[in-house]
Protein backbone atom coordinates (compact mmCIF):
# COMPACT_ATOMS: atom_id res chain seq x y z
CA MET A 1 9.71 -1.81 -28.04
CA LEU A 2 9.36 -0.25 -31.32
CA ASN A 3 11.57 2.33 -32.60
CA THR A 4 10.01 3.93 -35.62
CA ALA A 5 12.58 6.82 -36.15
CA ASN A 6 16.40 7.05 -35.55
CA ASP A 7 15.97 10.55 -34.67
CA VAL A 8 16.22 10.45 -31.05
CA ALA A 9 13.87 13.66 -30.91
CA LEU A 10 11.29 11.28 -32.27
CA ARG A 11 11.73 8.42 -29.88
CA GLY A 12 8.59 7.49 -27.61
CA ASN A 13 6.26 8.91 -30.13
CA PRO A 14 2.56 7.61 -29.96
CA ILE A 15 3.36 4.66 -32.45
CA ASP A 16 6.08 3.43 -30.46
CA ASP A 17 4.35 3.89 -26.99
CA VAL A 18 0.92 2.20 -28.12
CA PHE A 19 2.18 -0.67 -30.40
CA GLY A 20 5.45 -1.41 -28.55
CA GLY A 21 3.36 -1.85 -25.20
CA MET A 22 0.62 -3.63 -27.12
CA PHE A 23 2.91 -6.13 -28.79
CA LYS A 24 4.62 -7.08 -25.35
CA TYR A 25 1.18 -7.15 -23.56
CA SER A 26 -0.08 -9.59 -26.32
CA ALA A 27 2.96 -11.60 -26.57
CA LEU A 28 2.91 -12.27 -22.55
CA VAL A 29 -0.94 -12.96 -22.12
CA VAL A 30 -1.12 -15.17 -25.22
CA ALA A 31 1.95 -17.29 -24.05
CA ALA A 32 0.29 -17.77 -20.67
CA LYS A 33 -2.77 -18.76 -22.40
CA LEU A 34 -1.04 -21.34 -24.62
CA GLY A 35 1.09 -22.81 -21.76
CA LEU A 36 4.44 -21.78 -23.50
CA PHE A 37 6.09 -20.87 -20.13
CA ARG A 38 4.88 -23.94 -18.51
CA ALA A 39 6.08 -26.03 -21.62
CA LEU A 40 9.79 -24.68 -21.13
CA GLU A 41 10.04 -25.68 -17.37
CA ALA A 42 11.04 -29.11 -17.95
CA GLY A 43 14.11 -27.71 -20.20
CA PRO A 44 14.89 -26.02 -23.70
CA LEU A 45 12.95 -26.89 -26.77
CA ASP A 46 13.67 -26.20 -30.32
CA LEU A 47 11.06 -24.57 -32.51
CA ALA A 48 9.62 -27.62 -33.80
CA GLU A 49 9.31 -29.34 -30.46
CA LEU A 50 7.76 -26.07 -28.77
CA ALA A 51 5.13 -25.84 -31.62
CA ARG A 52 4.33 -29.63 -31.21
CA THR A 53 4.05 -29.41 -27.50
CA LEU A 54 1.65 -26.32 -27.58
CA GLU A 55 -0.13 -27.80 -30.71
CA THR A 56 0.55 -24.49 -32.44
CA ASP A 57 1.93 -23.40 -35.89
CA GLU A 58 5.70 -23.15 -36.09
CA GLN A 59 5.92 -19.77 -37.68
CA GLY A 60 3.32 -18.34 -35.29
CA THR A 61 5.16 -19.87 -32.40
CA ARG A 62 8.35 -18.31 -33.55
CA ALA A 63 6.84 -14.80 -33.93
CA LEU A 64 5.53 -15.18 -30.53
CA ALA A 65 8.55 -16.52 -28.77
CA ASP A 66 11.01 -14.21 -30.69
CA VAL A 67 9.36 -11.22 -28.73
CA LEU A 68 9.57 -12.92 -25.36
CA VAL A 69 13.42 -13.39 -26.14
CA ILE A 70 13.77 -9.56 -26.64
CA GLU A 71 12.11 -8.91 -23.57
CA ASP A 72 14.13 -11.38 -21.39
CA TYR A 73 11.37 -13.85 -20.62
CA LEU A 74 12.67 -16.40 -22.96
CA GLU A 75 16.19 -17.08 -23.95
CA LEU A 76 17.58 -18.70 -27.34
CA HIS A 77 20.80 -20.56 -27.62
CA ASP A 78 21.62 -22.96 -30.52
CA GLY A 79 18.11 -22.91 -31.85
CA HIS A 80 16.50 -23.86 -28.49
CA TYR A 81 14.11 -21.75 -26.33
CA ALA A 82 14.52 -21.73 -22.69
CA GLN A 83 13.11 -19.69 -19.82
CA GLY A 84 14.84 -16.30 -19.17
CA PRO A 85 15.48 -14.54 -16.13
CA LEU A 86 12.06 -13.01 -15.75
CA ALA A 87 10.13 -16.11 -16.52
CA ARG A 88 12.34 -18.02 -14.05
CA ARG A 89 11.64 -15.26 -11.45
CA TRP A 90 8.00 -14.53 -11.81
CA LEU A 91 6.39 -17.41 -14.04
CA ASP A 92 7.81 -20.58 -12.94
CA SER A 93 5.39 -22.89 -11.16
CA ASP A 94 8.15 -24.01 -8.61
CA GLY A 95 9.19 -20.77 -8.05
CA PRO A 96 8.53 -18.51 -4.78
CA ARG A 97 5.71 -16.61 -6.90
CA ASP A 98 4.27 -17.78 -9.83
CA PHE A 99 2.30 -14.72 -11.69
CA THR A 100 1.09 -16.58 -14.44
CA PRO A 101 -2.44 -16.01 -13.00
CA ALA A 102 -1.75 -12.55 -13.58
CA LEU A 103 -1.42 -12.95 -17.43
CA LEU A 104 -4.35 -15.08 -17.51
CA TRP A 105 -6.59 -12.13 -15.95
CA GLY A 106 -4.52 -10.06 -18.29
CA TYR A 107 -6.06 -12.01 -21.43
CA GLU A 108 -9.50 -11.21 -20.22
CA LEU A 109 -8.97 -7.71 -19.24
CA TRP A 110 -7.77 -7.18 -22.75
CA ASN A 111 -11.29 -8.12 -23.76
CA VAL A 112 -12.71 -5.63 -21.34
CA LEU A 113 -10.47 -2.87 -22.39
CA TRP A 114 -11.69 -3.36 -25.88
CA GLU A 115 -14.92 -1.99 -25.07
CA LEU A 116 -13.50 1.11 -23.23
CA PRO A 117 -14.57 3.50 -25.87
CA GLN A 118 -18.30 2.57 -25.40
CA ALA A 119 -17.98 2.66 -21.62
CA VAL A 120 -16.37 6.38 -21.62
CA ARG A 121 -19.17 7.37 -23.95
CA GLU A 122 -22.03 5.94 -21.84
CA GLY A 123 -20.58 6.22 -18.36
CA ALA A 124 -20.48 2.33 -17.71
CA PRO A 125 -19.41 -0.85 -19.58
CA ALA A 126 -22.33 -2.76 -21.33
CA GLN A 127 -21.70 -5.54 -18.84
CA SER A 128 -19.97 -5.63 -15.39
CA LEU A 129 -17.18 -8.15 -14.47
CA TRP A 130 -19.84 -9.80 -12.38
CA GLU A 131 -22.27 -10.19 -15.30
CA ARG A 132 -19.45 -11.47 -17.58
CA TRP A 133 -18.34 -14.11 -14.84
CA ALA A 134 -21.96 -15.32 -14.55
CA GLU A 135 -21.69 -16.42 -18.16
CA ARG A 136 -17.71 -17.24 -18.05
CA PRO A 137 -17.07 -18.81 -14.77
CA ASP A 138 -13.68 -19.66 -15.96
CA ALA A 139 -12.79 -15.94 -16.39
CA GLY A 140 -13.76 -15.54 -12.74
CA LYS A 141 -11.66 -18.32 -11.87
CA ASP A 142 -8.84 -16.54 -13.45
CA PHE A 143 -9.35 -13.37 -11.43
CA ALA A 144 -9.66 -15.20 -8.23
CA ASP A 145 -6.36 -16.73 -8.71
CA TYR A 146 -4.69 -13.51 -9.91
CA MET A 147 -6.02 -11.76 -6.86
CA LYS A 148 -4.52 -14.51 -4.70
CA VAL A 149 -1.06 -14.15 -6.05
CA LYS A 150 -1.24 -10.35 -5.98
CA SER A 151 -2.08 -10.68 -2.29
CA THR A 152 0.91 -12.60 -1.39
CA LEU A 153 2.79 -9.25 -1.91
CA THR A 154 1.21 -7.58 0.95
CA VAL A 155 -0.59 -10.21 3.27
CA GLU A 156 1.98 -10.10 5.97
CA PRO A 157 2.27 -6.47 6.32
CA ILE A 158 -1.93 -6.51 6.28
CA VAL A 159 -1.72 -8.87 9.48
CA ASP A 160 1.04 -7.01 11.11
CA GLU A 161 -0.89 -3.59 10.70
CA THR A 162 -4.56 -4.57 11.39
CA PRO A 163 -5.60 -3.69 14.84
CA VAL A 164 -7.30 -6.90 15.86
CA PRO A 165 -9.28 -6.54 19.17
CA THR A 166 -8.02 -8.27 22.25
CA GLY A 167 -9.66 -11.59 22.49
CA ALA A 168 -11.17 -11.69 18.91
CA ARG A 169 -13.08 -14.85 18.03
CA ARG A 170 -14.96 -14.17 14.71
CA LEU A 171 -13.87 -12.47 11.37
CA LEU A 172 -16.01 -12.02 8.40
CA ASP A 173 -13.94 -11.73 4.90
CA LEU A 174 -16.31 -10.03 2.41
CA GLY A 175 -15.10 -10.61 -0.84
CA GLY A 176 -12.18 -12.91 0.48
CA SER A 177 -12.31 -15.14 -2.72
CA HIS A 178 -9.28 -17.08 -2.51
CA GLY A 179 -9.12 -17.06 1.56
CA LEU A 180 -5.44 -15.98 1.77
CA HIS A 181 -6.21 -13.19 4.14
CA SER A 182 -8.38 -15.40 6.38
CA ILE A 183 -5.68 -18.04 6.36
CA ALA A 184 -3.03 -15.68 7.45
CA PHE A 185 -5.34 -14.10 10.20
CA CYS A 186 -6.32 -17.30 11.55
CA THR A 187 -2.52 -18.64 11.56
CA ARG A 188 -1.54 -15.65 13.52
CA TYR A 189 -4.44 -15.60 15.95
CA PRO A 190 -5.25 -19.29 17.15
CA ASP A 191 -8.52 -18.51 18.53
CA LEU A 192 -9.82 -16.82 15.57
CA THR A 193 -12.61 -18.44 13.22
CA ALA A 194 -13.29 -16.85 9.73
CA THR A 195 -16.32 -16.86 7.25
CA VAL A 196 -15.12 -16.06 3.79
CA MET A 197 -18.29 -14.56 1.70
CA ASP A 198 -18.11 -14.08 -2.01
CA LEU A 199 -19.54 -15.20 -5.27
CA PRO A 200 -19.67 -18.77 -6.06
CA GLU A 201 -17.45 -18.69 -8.86
CA ALA A 202 -14.85 -16.91 -6.64
CA LEU A 203 -14.90 -19.64 -3.90
CA THR A 204 -14.03 -22.79 -6.01
CA GLY A 205 -10.63 -23.30 -4.34
CA THR A 206 -11.07 -21.65 -1.07
CA ALA A 207 -12.07 -24.57 1.13
CA GLN A 208 -9.36 -26.73 -0.25
CA ALA A 209 -6.81 -23.91 0.34
CA ALA A 210 -8.03 -23.63 4.20
CA ALA A 211 -7.79 -27.36 4.46
CA GLU A 212 -4.18 -27.47 3.15
CA ALA A 213 -3.38 -25.00 5.63
CA GLY A 214 -4.64 -26.97 8.48
CA LEU A 215 -7.51 -24.64 9.16
CA GLY A 216 -10.50 -26.47 7.54
CA ASP A 217 -12.39 -26.42 10.82
CA ARG A 218 -12.02 -22.92 11.43
CA ILE A 219 -12.65 -21.38 8.07
CA THR A 220 -15.88 -21.55 6.30
CA THR A 221 -17.00 -20.34 2.93
CA LYS A 222 -20.44 -18.55 2.31
CA PRO A 223 -21.38 -18.00 -1.36
CA GLY A 224 -23.79 -15.14 -1.74
CA SER A 225 -24.46 -11.42 -2.09
CA PHE A 226 -23.09 -8.91 0.28
CA PHE A 227 -26.22 -6.87 -0.27
CA THR A 228 -29.04 -9.23 -0.29
CA ASP A 229 -27.87 -12.37 1.77
CA ASP A 230 -27.66 -12.51 5.59
CA LEU A 231 -24.06 -11.46 6.91
CA GLY A 232 -24.35 -13.41 10.10
CA GLU A 233 -23.72 -11.26 13.27
CA ASP A 234 -21.24 -10.59 16.31
CA TYR A 235 -17.96 -10.25 14.45
CA ASP A 236 -14.85 -8.91 15.93
CA VAL A 237 -13.18 -8.13 12.49
CA VAL A 238 -15.00 -7.46 9.07
CA LEU A 239 -12.45 -7.33 6.22
CA LEU A 240 -13.52 -5.34 3.06
CA PHE A 241 -10.50 -5.79 0.78
CA GLU A 242 -10.26 -4.54 -2.58
CA ILE A 243 -14.05 -3.97 -2.86
CA LEU A 244 -15.03 -0.40 -2.89
CA HIS A 245 -13.33 0.42 -6.25
CA CYS A 246 -15.70 -2.02 -7.87
CA LEU A 247 -18.83 -0.20 -6.46
CA GLY A 248 -20.42 3.25 -6.78
CA PRO A 249 -20.77 5.55 -3.65
CA GLU A 250 -24.38 4.72 -2.77
CA ASP A 251 -23.48 0.77 -2.72
CA ASN A 252 -20.23 1.44 -0.82
CA ALA A 253 -22.41 3.47 1.85
CA GLU A 254 -24.87 0.71 2.06
CA LEU A 255 -22.36 -2.20 2.18
CA ILE A 256 -20.27 -0.34 4.90
CA THR A 257 -23.55 0.02 6.90
CA ARG A 258 -24.45 -3.50 6.60
CA ALA A 259 -20.94 -4.50 7.76
CA ALA A 260 -21.20 -2.37 10.62
CA ARG A 261 -24.33 -3.84 11.96
CA VAL A 262 -22.93 -7.19 12.18
CA LEU A 263 -19.95 -6.00 14.30
CA ARG A 264 -19.84 -6.46 18.05
CA PRO A 265 -19.17 -3.51 20.26
CA GLY A 266 -15.41 -2.91 19.97
CA GLY A 267 -15.14 -4.76 16.62
CA VAL A 268 -13.19 -3.31 13.63
CA ILE A 269 -13.77 -2.82 9.82
CA VAL A 270 -10.76 -3.08 7.76
CA ILE A 271 -10.68 -1.70 4.38
CA LEU A 272 -7.73 -2.25 1.78
CA GLU A 273 -7.99 0.23 -1.05
CA ASP A 274 -5.91 2.11 -3.51
CA VAL A 275 -6.81 5.41 -1.93
CA ALA A 276 -6.88 8.22 -4.11
CA GLY A 277 -5.09 11.31 -3.46
CA ALA A 278 -5.95 14.88 -3.89
CA GLU A 279 -3.94 15.04 -7.37
CA PRO A 280 -3.80 12.32 -10.28
CA ASP A 281 -0.74 9.72 -9.74
CA GLU A 282 0.70 7.44 -12.15
CA HIS A 283 -0.67 4.19 -10.22
CA ASN A 284 -3.92 5.32 -9.08
CA SER A 285 -4.93 7.02 -12.37
CA ALA A 286 -4.28 4.08 -14.48
CA PHE A 287 -5.94 1.82 -11.81
CA SER A 288 -8.95 3.96 -11.82
CA LEU A 289 -9.27 3.73 -15.57
CA CYS A 290 -9.04 0.12 -15.32
CA MET A 291 -11.91 -0.10 -12.94
CA PHE A 292 -13.95 2.20 -14.87
CA ALA A 293 -13.59 -0.10 -17.88
CA CYS A 294 -14.44 -3.21 -15.73
CA THR A 295 -17.39 -1.88 -13.46
CA GLY A 296 -17.73 1.91 -14.34
CA ASP A 297 -16.46 2.82 -10.95
CA ARG A 298 -13.18 4.21 -9.56
CA THR A 299 -10.91 4.71 -6.54
CA TYR A 300 -11.88 6.75 -3.53
CA THR A 301 -10.36 9.41 -1.46
CA LEU A 302 -9.80 8.98 2.43
CA GLU A 303 -12.50 11.54 2.97
CA GLU A 304 -14.98 9.83 1.07
CA ILE A 305 -14.38 6.48 2.56
CA GLY A 306 -14.18 7.93 6.21
CA GLY A 307 -17.54 9.63 5.57
CA TRP A 308 -19.19 6.33 4.81
CA LEU A 309 -17.67 4.81 7.90
CA THR A 310 -18.77 7.42 10.15
CA ASP A 311 -22.26 7.68 8.64
CA ALA A 312 -22.50 4.13 9.65
CA GLY A 313 -21.56 4.94 13.26
CA LEU A 314 -18.01 3.98 13.19
CA ILE A 315 -15.18 5.89 15.03
CA ASP A 316 -11.56 6.41 15.04
CA VAL A 317 -11.17 6.15 11.30
CA ARG A 318 -7.60 6.15 10.23
CA GLN A 319 -5.28 5.15 7.29
CA LEU A 320 -2.34 2.77 7.68
CA PRO A 321 0.45 2.64 5.16
CA LEU A 322 1.62 -0.56 3.62
CA PRO A 323 4.70 -1.05 1.31
CA ALA A 324 2.62 -1.27 -1.57
CA SER A 325 0.15 1.01 -3.61
CA VAL A 326 -2.75 -0.04 -1.35
CA SER A 327 -3.24 0.97 2.42
CA LEU A 328 -5.50 0.16 5.19
CA VAL A 329 -8.60 2.34 6.34
CA VAL A 330 -9.57 1.04 9.51
CA ALA A 331 -12.68 2.30 11.94
CA SER A 332 -13.95 0.75 15.05
CA GLN A 333 -17.39 0.24 16.79
CA PRO A 334 -17.63 2.55 19.84
CA GLY A 335 -16.13 0.84 22.74
CA SER A 336 -13.29 -0.44 20.81
CA ASP A 337 -9.97 -0.93 22.80
CA THR A 338 -7.70 -0.96 19.72
């Protein structure tokens, strides 16, 4: 976004890379936080009208909005700001996908990354996400809303690829938060019921979402801890979706062992993860750094995940690719017919 030098050989220097990206990031997350994109859904507004609607300063509003014009999130015609092509596609509440929750989570992540130097020096952040959210449940809700919209990108392929045992009746969705995956599985399999277990602040809208999908009698929520609370028993499917990268190796081994114990013979554990490869890649490296800032943890290889599964007594470990950065890793209790 910045060009500090006209010499083409100097383009893309660290000043341009860092500050250009930072200003774009800042403009997007602050606009979402202030409700700017929502304010323009009803139609174009001039600067005074926009500032009055947002209850913001006109000069500050212009500075923010002009960056978004440059980045195609807004348009400016005859002194009036309007949604641009990117906002119409990705940030409209009536659109097919509204990624506004991702920007709101980005605002909280901004605060987390501010403390990354300390985490790198000391080996972990001063506060994990869970500790931050215990103090600020609103940030935990923003994350849950973000995970829901992110999950819409892969939920159908996940249900397509998951080897649900024949005659499956009970599903446990650990860390299921928004309930989107439980809703999708119960919709596909009419005899299936689901329990969504997560922190209380992550389950604020889950029961309502299940009811709106016509599944209020088949999907229940269970606030609690994976490690200290009773998980139940005799499940046909246990989902561990995007959890392992939030935990250290010992906790992952313990969690998978606990999950394996509540499976019936022939049941399956289904893990959704950004599985690390042997060499660094662009997406996984960035995501792993983010997780280190958030919790002090990282992504894991198939060999590591497979080791925890086999140590828990599970068999037939395999990785199933998805049309995304994430993939499924599945394993079965002995006797599986999948």
